[in-house]
Amino acid sequence: MKTMTQWLCDGCKARFDTKKEAEKHEETCVAFATGASLSEIQEKYNERLSENRLEEPHQALISDHLSSISENMYWVGLLAQITVFAIIVQMIVFGILILTF
């Protein structure tokens, strides 16, 4: 399907600049091949994921732990930026104090 200057995959609605790219994507697109919507594919994925959690509890624990780590990395990065900023401010303040005395 063509819109203004882009081509859309009829299955997952991904956008492409050329018809060739869109057709190449549709060859491997699960939503296009099955005729299922993206939400239906996501539901099936979540069902399989929950089944795998029951079959492989250790992998589920590891996966949960890694996802919580990646969520916490934002705060670690923010803390590092604040620390660097505080060090720079201290250097400026102490530099001014040393020059005035």
Protein backbone atom coordinates (compact mmCIF):
# COMPACT_ATOMS: atom_id res chain seq x y z
CA MET A 1 0.00 0.00 0.00
CA LYS A 2 1.41 3.40 -0.92
CA THR A 3 1.00 6.53 1.15
CA MET A 4 2.29 9.96 0.10
CA THR A 5 5.98 9.04 -0.39
CA GLN A 6 6.25 5.91 1.71
CA TRP A 7 5.20 2.29 1.38
CA LEU A 8 3.51 0.43 4.24
CA CYS A 9 3.59 -3.27 5.06
CA ASP A 10 -0.02 -4.47 4.97
CA GLY A 11 0.64 -6.71 7.97
CA CYS A 12 2.56 -4.73 10.57
CA LYS A 13 2.26 -1.22 9.08
CA ALA A 14 6.04 -0.68 8.98
CA ARG A 15 7.05 2.22 6.70
CA PHE A 16 9.52 2.00 3.81
CA ASP A 17 10.87 4.51 1.32
CA THR A 18 10.72 2.24 -1.72
CA LYS A 19 8.34 -0.41 -3.01
CA LYS A 20 11.24 -2.86 -3.27
CA GLU A 21 12.06 -2.51 0.44
CA ALA A 22 8.39 -2.98 1.37
CA GLU A 23 8.04 -6.11 -0.78
CA LYS A 24 11.27 -7.55 0.64
CA HIS A 25 9.97 -6.95 4.18
CA GLU A 26 6.59 -8.54 3.39
CA GLU A 27 8.38 -11.75 2.39
CA THR A 28 9.55 -12.22 5.99
CA CYS A 29 6.83 -10.35 7.90
CA VAL A 30 4.93 -12.68 10.21
CA ALA A 31 1.93 -10.37 10.44
CA PHE A 32 1.65 -10.16 6.65
CA ALA A 33 2.05 -13.91 6.15
CA THR A 34 -0.47 -14.96 8.80
CA GLY A 35 -2.89 -12.10 8.32
CA ALA A 36 -2.76 -11.53 12.08
CA SER A 37 -2.63 -8.10 13.59
CA LEU A 38 0.36 -6.94 15.57
CA SER A 39 -1.59 -7.18 18.84
CA GLU A 40 -2.51 -10.82 18.11
CA ILE A 41 1.14 -11.67 17.47
CA GLN A 42 2.12 -9.92 20.72
CA GLU A 43 -0.53 -11.94 22.62
CA LYS A 44 0.79 -15.21 21.18
CA TYR A 45 4.33 -14.19 22.09
CA ASN A 46 3.30 -13.42 25.67
CA GLU A 47 1.48 -16.78 25.94
CA ARG A 48 4.58 -18.64 24.74
CA LEU A 49 6.72 -16.62 27.10
CA SER A 50 4.54 -17.55 30.08
CA GLU A 51 4.66 -21.23 29.05
CA ASN A 52 8.45 -21.05 28.83
CA ARG A 53 8.56 -19.49 32.30
CA LEU A 54 6.91 -22.62 33.68
CA GLU A 55 9.22 -24.94 31.75
CA GLU A 56 12.44 -22.99 32.39
CA PRO A 57 12.14 -21.21 35.75
CA HIS A 58 15.88 -20.48 35.99
CA GLN A 59 15.89 -18.61 32.69
CA ALA A 60 12.84 -16.66 33.84
CA LEU A 61 14.66 -15.59 37.00
CA ILE A 62 17.70 -14.50 35.03
CA SER A 63 15.54 -12.60 32.54
CA ASP A 64 13.66 -10.80 35.31
CA HIS A 65 16.92 -9.91 37.02
CA LEU A 66 18.46 -8.53 33.82
CA SER A 67 15.40 -6.44 33.04
CA SER A 68 15.47 -4.89 36.52
CA ILE A 69 19.18 -4.16 36.07
CA SER A 70 18.58 -2.35 32.79
CA GLU A 71 15.83 -0.28 34.43
CA ASN A 72 18.24 0.69 37.22
CA MET A 73 21.00 1.67 34.80
CA TYR A 74 19.18 4.94 34.11
CA TRP A 75 19.58 5.93 37.74
CA VAL A 76 23.22 4.84 37.81
CA GLY A 77 23.94 7.02 34.78
CA LEU A 78 22.11 9.95 36.30
CA LEU A 79 24.05 9.58 39.55
CA ALA A 80 27.33 9.50 37.61
CA GLN A 81 26.42 12.72 35.79
CA ILE A 82 25.50 14.46 39.03
CA THR A 83 28.77 13.33 40.61
CA VAL A 84 30.85 14.65 37.72
CA PHE A 85 28.96 17.95 37.85
CA ALA A 86 29.58 18.21 41.62
CA ILE A 87 33.31 17.55 41.16
CA ILE A 88 33.56 20.27 38.48
CA VAL A 89 31.73 22.75 40.72
CA GLN A 90 34.06 21.91 43.63
CA MET A 91 37.12 22.43 41.45
CA ILE A 92 35.84 25.81 40.32
CA VAL A 93 34.95 26.92 43.86
CA PHE A 94 38.28 25.78 45.34
CA GLY A 95 40.13 27.38 42.43
CA ILE A 96 38.44 30.69 43.13
CA LEU A 97 39.17 30.38 46.87
CA ILE A 98 42.85 29.62 46.27
CA LEU A 99 43.20 32.60 43.90
CA THR A 100 41.58 35.00 46.38
CA PHE A 101 43.89 34.09 49.28
